[in-house]
């Protein structure tokens, strides 16, 4: 992965899809967050995350892997 911020998870999924790899969802247990998220807790954080995710998807759509 080349992205070091919010786009790395999407980058991983897009690359796997382009390489036609199979993925399996694995259920995990988690506990509720204490406090407020810095990403989804604000409108600005949500918009920045959405931009980064969509930018990553379109970047690989325009320049797919060899």
N, C-alpha and C. Protein backbone atom coordinates (compact mmCIF):
# COMPACT_ATOMS: atom_id res chain seq x y z
N UNK A 1 0.83 -1.16 0.00
CA UNK A 1 0.00 0.00 0.00
C UNK A 1 0.89 1.24 0.00
N UNK A 2 0.51 2.21 -0.79
CA UNK A 2 1.29 3.45 -0.86
C UNK A 2 0.68 4.55 -0.02
N UNK A 3 -0.61 4.49 0.21
CA UNK A 3 -1.28 5.53 0.99
C UNK A 3 -1.02 5.29 2.48
N UNK A 4 -0.68 6.35 3.19
CA UNK A 4 -0.39 6.21 4.62
C UNK A 4 -1.48 6.81 5.49
N UNK A 5 -2.59 7.24 4.87
CA UNK A 5 -3.67 7.85 5.65
C UNK A 5 -4.95 7.04 5.47
N UNK A 6 -6.06 7.71 5.31
CA UNK A 6 -7.36 7.04 5.27
C UNK A 6 -7.59 6.16 4.05
N UNK A 7 -6.81 6.35 2.99
CA UNK A 7 -7.07 5.62 1.75
C UNK A 7 -6.48 4.23 1.68
N UNK A 8 -5.67 3.82 2.65
CA UNK A 8 -4.96 2.55 2.50
C UNK A 8 -5.90 1.35 2.49
N UNK A 9 -6.99 1.40 3.25
CA UNK A 9 -7.89 0.25 3.27
C UNK A 9 -8.62 0.12 1.93
N UNK A 10 -9.03 1.26 1.37
CA UNK A 10 -9.69 1.23 0.08
C UNK A 10 -8.70 0.83 -1.01
N UNK A 11 -7.47 1.33 -0.90
CA UNK A 11 -6.43 0.95 -1.86
C UNK A 11 -6.24 -0.56 -1.86
N UNK A 12 -6.21 -1.16 -0.69
CA UNK A 12 -6.04 -2.60 -0.58
C UNK A 12 -7.21 -3.33 -1.25
N UNK A 13 -8.43 -2.86 -1.02
CA UNK A 13 -9.60 -3.51 -1.61
C UNK A 13 -9.65 -3.34 -3.12
N UNK A 14 -9.31 -2.15 -3.61
CA UNK A 14 -9.32 -1.91 -5.06
C UNK A 14 -8.26 -2.77 -5.75
N UNK A 15 -7.06 -2.83 -5.17
CA UNK A 15 -6.00 -3.65 -5.77
C UNK A 15 -6.39 -5.12 -5.78
N UNK A 16 -6.99 -5.58 -4.71
CA UNK A 16 -7.43 -6.98 -4.66
C UNK A 16 -8.49 -7.25 -5.72
N UNK A 17 -9.41 -6.31 -5.91
CA UNK A 17 -10.46 -6.49 -6.92
C UNK A 17 -9.86 -6.49 -8.33
N UNK A 18 -8.91 -5.59 -8.58
CA UNK A 18 -8.28 -5.53 -9.90
C UNK A 18 -7.49 -6.80 -10.21
N UNK A 19 -6.93 -7.41 -9.18
CA UNK A 19 -6.18 -8.65 -9.36
C UNK A 19 -7.09 -9.88 -9.28
N UNK A 20 -8.40 -9.63 -9.14
CA UNK A 20 -9.42 -10.67 -9.06
C UNK A 20 -9.16 -11.66 -7.91
N UNK A 21 -8.69 -11.12 -6.80
CA UNK A 21 -8.50 -11.94 -5.61
C UNK A 21 -9.82 -12.12 -4.89
N UNK A 22 -9.94 -13.20 -4.19
CA UNK A 22 -11.16 -13.45 -3.42
C UNK A 22 -10.96 -12.92 -2.01
N UNK A 23 -12.02 -12.39 -1.46
CA UNK A 23 -11.97 -11.86 -0.09
C UNK A 23 -13.11 -12.46 0.72
N UNK A 24 -12.86 -12.63 1.99
CA UNK A 24 -13.86 -13.16 2.89
C UNK A 24 -14.00 -12.23 4.07
N UNK A 25 -15.23 -11.92 4.43
CA UNK A 25 -15.46 -11.11 5.62
C UNK A 25 -15.45 -12.01 6.84
N UNK A 26 -14.74 -11.58 7.84
CA UNK A 26 -14.65 -12.35 9.08
C UNK A 26 -15.26 -11.52 10.20
N UNK A 27 -16.28 -12.01 10.86
CA UNK A 27 -16.89 -11.23 11.94
C UNK A 27 -15.92 -11.11 13.13
N UNK A 28 -15.88 -9.95 13.69
CA UNK A 28 -15.04 -9.72 14.86
C UNK A 28 -15.85 -9.06 15.95
N UNK A 29 -15.42 -9.24 17.16
CA UNK A 29 -16.06 -8.59 18.29
C UNK A 29 -15.29 -7.31 18.60
N UNK A 30 -15.98 -6.32 19.05
CA UNK A 30 -15.32 -5.07 19.41
C UNK A 30 -16.11 -4.41 20.53
N UNK A 31 -15.47 -3.50 21.21
CA UNK A 31 -16.17 -2.76 22.26
C UNK A 31 -16.42 -1.35 21.76
N UNK A 32 -17.40 -0.70 22.32
CA UNK A 32 -17.76 0.64 21.89
C UNK A 32 -16.63 1.61 22.20
N UNK A 33 -16.46 2.57 21.30
CA UNK A 33 -15.43 3.60 21.46
C UNK A 33 -15.78 4.51 22.65
N UNK A 34 -14.75 4.87 23.37
CA UNK A 34 -14.93 5.83 24.45
C UNK A 34 -14.60 7.20 23.87
N UNK A 35 -15.53 8.13 23.94
CA UNK A 35 -15.29 9.46 23.37
C UNK A 35 -15.91 9.60 22.00
N UNK A 36 -15.40 10.58 21.24
CA UNK A 36 -15.95 10.89 19.92
C UNK A 36 -14.88 10.68 18.87
N UNK A 37 -15.27 10.09 17.74
CA UNK A 37 -14.34 9.87 16.64
C UNK A 37 -13.92 11.20 16.03
N UNK A 38 -12.63 11.32 15.69
CA UNK A 38 -12.13 12.52 15.03
C UNK A 38 -12.53 12.55 13.55
N UNK A 39 -12.90 11.42 13.01
CA UNK A 39 -13.26 11.34 11.60
C UNK A 39 -14.77 11.52 11.42
N UNK A 40 -15.55 10.62 11.96
CA UNK A 40 -17.00 10.69 11.76
C UNK A 40 -17.70 11.53 12.81
N UNK A 41 -16.96 12.06 13.74
CA UNK A 41 -17.56 12.90 14.79
C UNK A 41 -17.78 14.33 14.34
N UNK A 42 -17.23 14.71 13.19
CA UNK A 42 -17.40 16.07 12.68
C UNK A 42 -17.76 16.03 11.21
N UNK A 43 -18.42 17.06 10.74
CA UNK A 43 -18.78 17.14 9.32
C UNK A 43 -17.52 17.25 8.48
N UNK A 44 -16.58 18.08 8.91
CA UNK A 44 -15.34 18.26 8.16
C UNK A 44 -14.55 16.94 8.07
N UNK A 45 -14.48 16.21 9.17
CA UNK A 45 -13.78 14.93 9.16
C UNK A 45 -14.43 13.92 8.23
N UNK A 46 -15.75 13.91 8.23
CA UNK A 46 -16.49 12.99 7.35
C UNK A 46 -16.25 13.33 5.89
N UNK A 47 -16.30 14.62 5.55
CA UNK A 47 -16.09 15.04 4.16
C UNK A 47 -14.67 14.72 3.72
N UNK A 48 -13.68 14.96 4.58
CA UNK A 48 -12.30 14.65 4.22
C UNK A 48 -12.10 13.15 3.99
N UNK A 49 -12.72 12.33 4.83
CA UNK A 49 -12.60 10.88 4.67
C UNK A 49 -13.27 10.43 3.37
N UNK A 50 -14.45 10.97 3.08
CA UNK A 50 -15.14 10.61 1.84
C UNK A 50 -14.31 11.00 0.63
N UNK A 51 -13.73 12.19 0.65
CA UNK A 51 -12.90 12.65 -0.46
C UNK A 51 -11.72 11.70 -0.67
N UNK A 52 -11.04 11.35 0.41
CA UNK A 52 -9.86 10.49 0.31
C UNK A 52 -10.23 9.12 -0.25
N UNK A 53 -11.33 8.57 0.21
CA UNK A 53 -11.77 7.25 -0.24
C UNK A 53 -12.14 7.29 -1.72
N UNK A 54 -12.94 8.27 -2.12
CA UNK A 54 -13.34 8.37 -3.53
C UNK A 54 -12.15 8.68 -4.42
N UNK A 55 -11.23 9.53 -3.98
CA UNK A 55 -10.03 9.84 -4.75
C UNK A 55 -9.22 8.57 -5.01
N UNK A 56 -9.08 7.74 -4.00
CA UNK A 56 -8.32 6.50 -4.15
C UNK A 56 -8.99 5.56 -5.15
N UNK A 57 -10.29 5.44 -5.08
CA UNK A 57 -11.01 4.57 -6.02
C UNK A 57 -10.84 5.07 -7.45
N UNK A 58 -11.04 6.36 -7.67
CA UNK A 58 -10.93 6.91 -9.02
C UNK A 58 -9.50 6.91 -9.53
N UNK A 59 -8.53 7.03 -8.63
CA UNK A 59 -7.13 6.99 -9.04
C UNK A 59 -6.81 5.64 -9.67
N UNK A 60 -7.27 4.56 -9.07
CA UNK A 60 -7.00 3.23 -9.62
C UNK A 60 -7.92 2.88 -10.78
N UNK A 61 -9.05 3.54 -10.89
CA UNK A 61 -9.92 3.34 -12.06
C UNK A 61 -9.28 3.97 -13.30
N UNK A 62 -8.62 5.12 -13.10
CA UNK A 62 -7.99 5.81 -14.21
C UNK A 62 -6.67 5.17 -14.60
N UNK A 63 -5.94 4.62 -13.64
CA UNK A 63 -4.64 4.01 -13.88
C UNK A 63 -4.58 2.63 -13.23
N UNK A 64 -5.22 1.64 -13.85
CA UNK A 64 -5.27 0.31 -13.23
C UNK A 64 -3.88 -0.34 -13.17
N UNK A 65 -3.78 -1.36 -12.37
CA UNK A 65 -2.54 -2.09 -12.20
C UNK A 65 -2.17 -2.79 -13.51
N UNK A 66 -0.87 -3.03 -13.74
CA UNK A 66 -0.44 -3.74 -14.97
C UNK A 66 -0.87 -5.19 -14.97
